[in-house]
Amino acid sequence: MQLRLLPLYRQLAFAPSFWSFTFPWSAVVTDALRWIGLERPAAAAILAGVALGGLSALVGGIALRSLIALRRGTFLPARPATIPAAGRAPIPGPGPTVLDAQLKGR
């Protein structure tokens, strides 16, 4: 399923959240290596090498993109707008709630 979405993922702008792909793929490769160890299929060493190579490429690629983004200063999102200084008008929020009306009536 995830392989089918690769073209879509490649169009996304890189973000720290890409690291979330490393855990599930590490789990998939771990299970594949366990299966290879138990079943000993033909070309087991090649299958294990492909699985580990693919995982290493994924983690290495994300690490490289993270380093590039850190160097450019784009790894983390921009800081939020500053809070208004004392004496300025507060930022408008939601209006009074039903609970506010009930508490005011006491």
N, C-alpha and C. Protein backbone atom coordinates (compact mmCIF):
# COMPACT_ATOMS: atom_id res chain seq x y z
N MET A 1 0.83 -1.20 0.00
CA MET A 1 0.00 0.00 0.00
C MET A 1 0.87 1.26 0.00
N GLN A 2 1.87 1.31 0.87
CA GLN A 2 2.71 2.50 0.96
C GLN A 2 3.52 2.71 -0.32
N LEU A 3 3.94 1.62 -0.94
CA LEU A 3 4.73 1.76 -2.17
C LEU A 3 3.93 2.44 -3.27
N ARG A 4 2.64 2.18 -3.30
CA ARG A 4 1.78 2.81 -4.30
C ARG A 4 1.70 4.32 -4.10
N LEU A 5 1.90 4.78 -2.87
CA LEU A 5 1.80 6.21 -2.56
C LEU A 5 3.13 6.96 -2.72
N LEU A 6 4.20 6.26 -3.07
CA LEU A 6 5.51 6.91 -3.20
C LEU A 6 5.50 8.13 -4.13
N PRO A 7 4.85 8.08 -5.30
CA PRO A 7 4.84 9.28 -6.14
C PRO A 7 4.21 10.49 -5.43
N LEU A 8 3.19 10.24 -4.63
CA LEU A 8 2.56 11.32 -3.88
C LEU A 8 3.49 11.86 -2.80
N TYR A 9 4.15 10.95 -2.08
CA TYR A 9 5.07 11.37 -1.02
C TYR A 9 6.22 12.19 -1.59
N ARG A 10 6.67 11.85 -2.78
CA ARG A 10 7.80 12.57 -3.38
C ARG A 10 7.44 14.02 -3.73
N GLN A 11 6.16 14.31 -3.88
CA GLN A 11 5.72 15.67 -4.22
C GLN A 11 5.60 16.55 -2.98
N LEU A 12 5.57 15.96 -1.78
CA LEU A 12 5.40 16.72 -0.55
C LEU A 12 6.68 17.47 -0.20
N ALA A 13 6.52 18.60 0.44
CA ALA A 13 7.68 19.33 0.96
C ALA A 13 8.21 18.56 2.17
N PHE A 14 9.53 18.49 2.32
CA PHE A 14 10.11 17.73 3.42
C PHE A 14 9.76 18.39 4.75
N ALA A 15 9.48 17.57 5.75
CA ALA A 15 9.16 18.04 7.10
C ALA A 15 9.70 17.03 8.10
N PRO A 16 9.92 17.44 9.36
CA PRO A 16 10.39 16.50 10.37
C PRO A 16 9.48 15.28 10.53
N SER A 17 8.22 15.43 10.18
CA SER A 17 7.28 14.32 10.32
C SER A 17 7.62 13.15 9.41
N PHE A 18 8.50 13.33 8.44
CA PHE A 18 8.90 12.22 7.58
C PHE A 18 9.61 11.13 8.39
N TRP A 19 10.15 11.50 9.56
CA TRP A 19 10.79 10.50 10.41
C TRP A 19 9.78 9.45 10.87
N SER A 20 8.49 9.77 10.82
CA SER A 20 7.48 8.80 11.24
C SER A 20 7.42 7.59 10.31
N PHE A 21 7.98 7.70 9.12
CA PHE A 21 8.02 6.56 8.20
C PHE A 21 9.06 5.52 8.63
N THR A 22 10.06 5.94 9.39
CA THR A 22 11.16 5.02 9.70
C THR A 22 10.74 3.91 10.66
N PHE A 23 9.88 4.19 11.62
CA PHE A 23 9.51 3.15 12.58
C PHE A 23 8.72 2.01 11.93
N PRO A 24 7.63 2.30 11.22
CA PRO A 24 6.89 1.16 10.64
C PRO A 24 7.71 0.38 9.62
N TRP A 25 8.54 1.06 8.84
CA TRP A 25 9.35 0.32 7.86
C TRP A 25 10.43 -0.49 8.56
N SER A 26 10.95 0.00 9.67
CA SER A 26 11.90 -0.79 10.46
C SER A 26 11.23 -2.05 10.99
N ALA A 27 9.98 -1.92 11.44
CA ALA A 27 9.24 -3.08 11.93
C ALA A 27 8.98 -4.08 10.80
N VAL A 28 8.65 -3.58 9.62
CA VAL A 28 8.42 -4.46 8.47
C VAL A 28 9.69 -5.23 8.12
N VAL A 29 10.81 -4.54 8.08
CA VAL A 29 12.08 -5.19 7.74
C VAL A 29 12.47 -6.19 8.83
N THR A 30 12.25 -5.84 10.09
CA THR A 30 12.55 -6.77 11.19
C THR A 30 11.74 -8.05 11.04
N ASP A 31 10.44 -7.90 10.76
CA ASP A 31 9.60 -9.09 10.56
C ASP A 31 10.06 -9.89 9.34
N ALA A 32 10.44 -9.20 8.28
CA ALA A 32 10.92 -9.89 7.08
C ALA A 32 12.19 -10.67 7.39
N LEU A 33 13.10 -10.08 8.16
CA LEU A 33 14.34 -10.78 8.52
C LEU A 33 14.06 -11.99 9.40
N ARG A 34 13.09 -11.86 10.30
CA ARG A 34 12.72 -13.01 11.14
C ARG A 34 12.14 -14.13 10.26
N TRP A 35 11.29 -13.76 9.32
CA TRP A 35 10.71 -14.75 8.42
C TRP A 35 11.81 -15.42 7.60
N ILE A 36 12.73 -14.63 7.08
CA ILE A 36 13.84 -15.18 6.29
C ILE A 36 14.65 -16.14 7.15
N GLY A 37 14.89 -15.78 8.41
CA GLY A 37 15.65 -16.65 9.30
C GLY A 37 14.94 -17.95 9.61
N LEU A 38 13.63 -17.90 9.72
CA LEU A 38 12.86 -19.11 10.05
C LEU A 38 12.65 -20.01 8.84
N GLU A 39 12.27 -19.42 7.73
CA GLU A 39 11.92 -20.20 6.54
C GLU A 39 13.11 -20.55 5.66
N ARG A 40 14.16 -19.78 5.73
CA ARG A 40 15.36 -19.98 4.91
C ARG A 40 15.02 -20.22 3.43
N PRO A 41 14.37 -19.22 2.81
CA PRO A 41 14.03 -19.38 1.39
C PRO A 41 15.29 -19.33 0.52
N ALA A 42 15.10 -19.73 -0.73
CA ALA A 42 16.23 -19.62 -1.67
C ALA A 42 16.64 -18.16 -1.76
N ALA A 43 17.91 -17.91 -1.84
CA ALA A 43 18.46 -16.55 -1.93
C ALA A 43 18.13 -15.72 -0.69
N ALA A 44 18.18 -16.38 0.48
CA ALA A 44 17.87 -15.69 1.73
C ALA A 44 18.80 -14.50 1.97
N ALA A 45 20.07 -14.68 1.67
CA ALA A 45 21.03 -13.60 1.89
C ALA A 45 20.72 -12.41 0.99
N ILE A 46 20.30 -12.67 -0.23
CA ILE A 46 19.95 -11.58 -1.14
C ILE A 46 18.70 -10.86 -0.66
N LEU A 47 17.69 -11.60 -0.23
CA LEU A 47 16.46 -10.99 0.29
C LEU A 47 16.76 -10.13 1.52
N ALA A 48 17.58 -10.65 2.42
CA ALA A 48 17.93 -9.90 3.62
C ALA A 48 18.70 -8.63 3.25
N GLY A 49 19.61 -8.76 2.30
CA GLY A 49 20.39 -7.60 1.87
C GLY A 49 19.53 -6.53 1.23
N VAL A 50 18.57 -6.95 0.42
CA VAL A 50 17.65 -5.99 -0.22
C VAL A 50 16.81 -5.29 0.84
N ALA A 51 16.30 -6.06 1.81
CA ALA A 51 15.47 -5.47 2.86
C ALA A 51 16.27 -4.46 3.68
N LEU A 52 17.47 -4.87 4.11
CA LEU A 52 18.30 -3.95 4.91
C LEU A 52 18.79 -2.76 4.08
N GLY A 53 19.11 -3.00 2.83
CA GLY A 53 19.54 -1.90 1.96
C GLY A 53 18.43 -0.89 1.74
N GLY A 54 17.21 -1.38 1.52
CA GLY A 54 16.08 -0.47 1.35
C GLY A 54 15.81 0.35 2.59
N LEU A 55 15.85 -0.31 3.75
CA LEU A 55 15.63 0.42 5.01
C LEU A 55 16.74 1.44 5.23
N SER A 56 17.98 1.04 4.97
CA SER A 56 19.11 1.97 5.14
C SER A 56 18.98 3.16 4.20
N ALA A 57 18.53 2.93 2.99
CA ALA A 57 18.34 4.03 2.04
C ALA A 57 17.25 4.98 2.53
N LEU A 58 16.16 4.42 3.07
CA LEU A 58 15.08 5.26 3.59
C LEU A 58 15.57 6.13 4.75
N VAL A 59 16.18 5.50 5.73
CA VAL A 59 16.65 6.24 6.91
C VAL A 59 17.76 7.22 6.51
N GLY A 60 18.67 6.77 5.67
CA GLY A 60 19.75 7.66 5.22
C GLY A 60 19.23 8.85 4.43
N GLY A 61 18.24 8.60 3.57
CA GLY A 61 17.65 9.70 2.80
C GLY A 61 16.95 10.72 3.68
N ILE A 62 16.21 10.23 4.66
CA ILE A 62 15.53 11.16 5.58
C ILE A 62 16.55 11.90 6.43
N ALA A 63 17.60 11.21 6.85
CA ALA A 63 18.65 11.89 7.62
C ALA A 63 19.33 12.98 6.79
N LEU A 64 19.62 12.65 5.54
CA LEU A 64 20.25 13.63 4.65
C LEU A 64 19.35 14.84 4.44
N ARG A 65 18.06 14.59 4.17
CA ARG A 65 17.12 15.70 3.98
C ARG A 65 16.98 16.52 5.25
N SER A 66 17.06 15.86 6.41
CA SER A 66 16.99 16.59 7.69
C SER A 66 18.21 17.50 7.85
N LEU A 67 19.38 16.98 7.52
CA LEU A 67 20.60 17.80 7.62
C LEU A 67 20.55 18.99 6.67
N ILE A 68 20.06 18.76 5.47
CA ILE A 68 19.94 19.85 4.49
C ILE A 68 18.96 20.90 5.02
N ALA A 69 17.83 20.45 5.55
CA ALA A 69 16.84 21.39 6.07
C ALA A 69 17.38 22.14 7.29
N LEU A 70 18.14 21.47 8.14
CA LEU A 70 18.75 22.15 9.29
C LEU A 70 19.71 23.23 8.81
N ARG A 71 20.50 22.90 7.82
CA ARG A 71 21.48 23.87 7.29
C ARG A 71 20.78 25.09 6.67
N ARG A 72 19.66 24.84 6.01
CA ARG A 72 18.90 25.94 5.39
C ARG A 72 18.03 26.69 6.39
N GLY A 73 17.85 26.13 7.58
CA GLY A 73 16.98 26.75 8.58
C GLY A 73 15.50 26.50 8.33
N THR A 74 15.19 25.44 7.61
CA THR A 74 13.79 25.15 7.29
C THR A 74 13.29 23.86 7.94
N PHE A 75 14.09 23.27 8.82
CA PHE A 75 13.71 21.99 9.42
C PHE A 75 12.49 22.13 10.33
N LEU A 76 12.49 23.14 11.17
CA LEU A 76 11.36 23.37 12.07
C LEU A 76 10.49 24.49 11.53
N PRO A 77 9.18 24.47 11.87
CA PRO A 77 8.29 25.52 11.38
C PRO A 77 8.70 26.89 11.95
N ALA A 78 8.26 27.93 11.27
CA ALA A 78 8.56 29.29 11.72
C ALA A 78 7.92 29.54 13.08
N ARG A 79 8.51 30.45 13.82
CA ARG A 79 7.96 30.80 15.13
C ARG A 79 6.59 31.44 14.97
N PRO A 80 5.69 31.18 15.94
CA PRO A 80 4.37 31.82 15.86
C PRO A 80 4.48 33.32 16.10
N ALA A 81 3.44 34.03 15.75
CA ALA A 81 3.40 35.48 15.98
C ALA A 81 3.57 35.75 17.46
N THR A 82 4.16 36.89 17.77
CA THR A 82 4.40 37.22 19.17
C THR A 82 3.11 37.58 19.88
N ILE A 83 3.12 37.42 21.18
CA ILE A 83 1.97 37.76 22.02
C ILE A 83 1.97 39.28 22.19
N PRO A 84 0.80 39.93 22.14
CA PRO A 84 0.77 41.38 22.27
C PRO A 84 1.34 41.83 23.62
N ALA A 85 2.01 42.95 23.61
CA ALA A 85 2.59 43.50 24.83
C ALA A 85 1.48 44.01 25.75
N ALA A 86 1.82 44.18 27.03
CA ALA A 86 0.85 44.67 28.01
C ALA A 86 0.33 46.03 27.57
N GLY A 87 -0.94 46.26 27.78
CA GLY A 87 -1.55 47.52 27.42
C GLY A 87 -2.21 47.49 26.05
N ARG A 88 -1.94 46.49 25.27
CA ARG A 88 -2.59 46.38 23.97
C ARG A 88 -3.87 45.58 24.10
N ALA A 89 -4.69 45.67 23.10
CA ALA A 89 -5.96 44.95 23.11
C ALA A 89 -5.69 43.44 23.07
N PRO A 90 -6.45 42.68 23.84
CA PRO A 90 -6.25 41.23 23.83
C PRO A 90 -6.69 40.63 22.50
N ILE A 91 -6.17 39.47 22.23
CA ILE A 91 -6.56 38.75 21.03
C ILE A 91 -7.98 38.22 21.23
N PRO A 92 -8.88 38.49 20.30
CA PRO A 92 -10.26 38.02 20.50
C PRO A 92 -10.32 36.50 20.52
N GLY A 93 -11.15 35.98 21.39
CA GLY A 93 -11.33 34.54 21.51
C GLY A 93 -12.79 34.19 21.33
N PRO A 94 -13.16 32.97 21.69
CA PRO A 94 -14.56 32.58 21.56
C PRO A 94 -15.43 33.38 22.54
N GLY A 95 -16.67 33.54 22.19
CA GLY A 95 -17.59 34.28 23.04
C GLY A 95 -17.94 33.50 24.30
N PRO A 96 -18.81 34.07 25.14
CA PRO A 96 -19.17 33.38 26.37
C PRO A 96 -19.86 32.05 26.08
N THR A 97 -19.66 31.11 26.97
CA THR A 97 -20.26 29.79 26.81
C THR A 97 -21.48 29.67 27.70
N VAL A 98 -22.19 28.58 27.54
CA VAL A 98 -23.36 28.31 28.39
C VAL A 98 -22.92 28.21 29.84
N LEU A 99 -21.78 27.58 30.08
CA LEU A 99 -21.27 27.45 31.45
C LEU A 99 -20.98 28.82 32.04
N ASP A 100 -20.41 29.73 31.25
CA ASP A 100 -20.16 31.09 31.74
C ASP A 100 -21.46 31.75 32.18
N ALA A 101 -22.52 31.60 31.39
CA ALA A 101 -23.80 32.20 31.73
C ALA A 101 -24.37 31.58 33.02
N GLN A 102 -24.22 30.28 33.17
CA GLN A 102 -24.70 29.61 34.38
C GLN A 102 -23.94 30.07 35.61
N LEU A 103 -22.64 30.19 35.50
CA LEU A 103 -21.83 30.62 36.63
C LEU A 103 -22.10 32.08 37.00
N LYS A 104 -22.37 32.92 36.01
CA LYS A 104 -22.64 34.33 36.25
C LYS A 104 -23.97 34.50 36.98
N GLY A 105 -24.92 33.60 36.72
CA GLY A 105 -26.24 33.67 37.33
C GLY A 105 -26.24 33.27 38.81
N ARG A 106 -25.19 32.68 39.32
CA ARG A 106 -25.14 32.26 40.73
C ARG A 106 -24.92 33.38 41.66
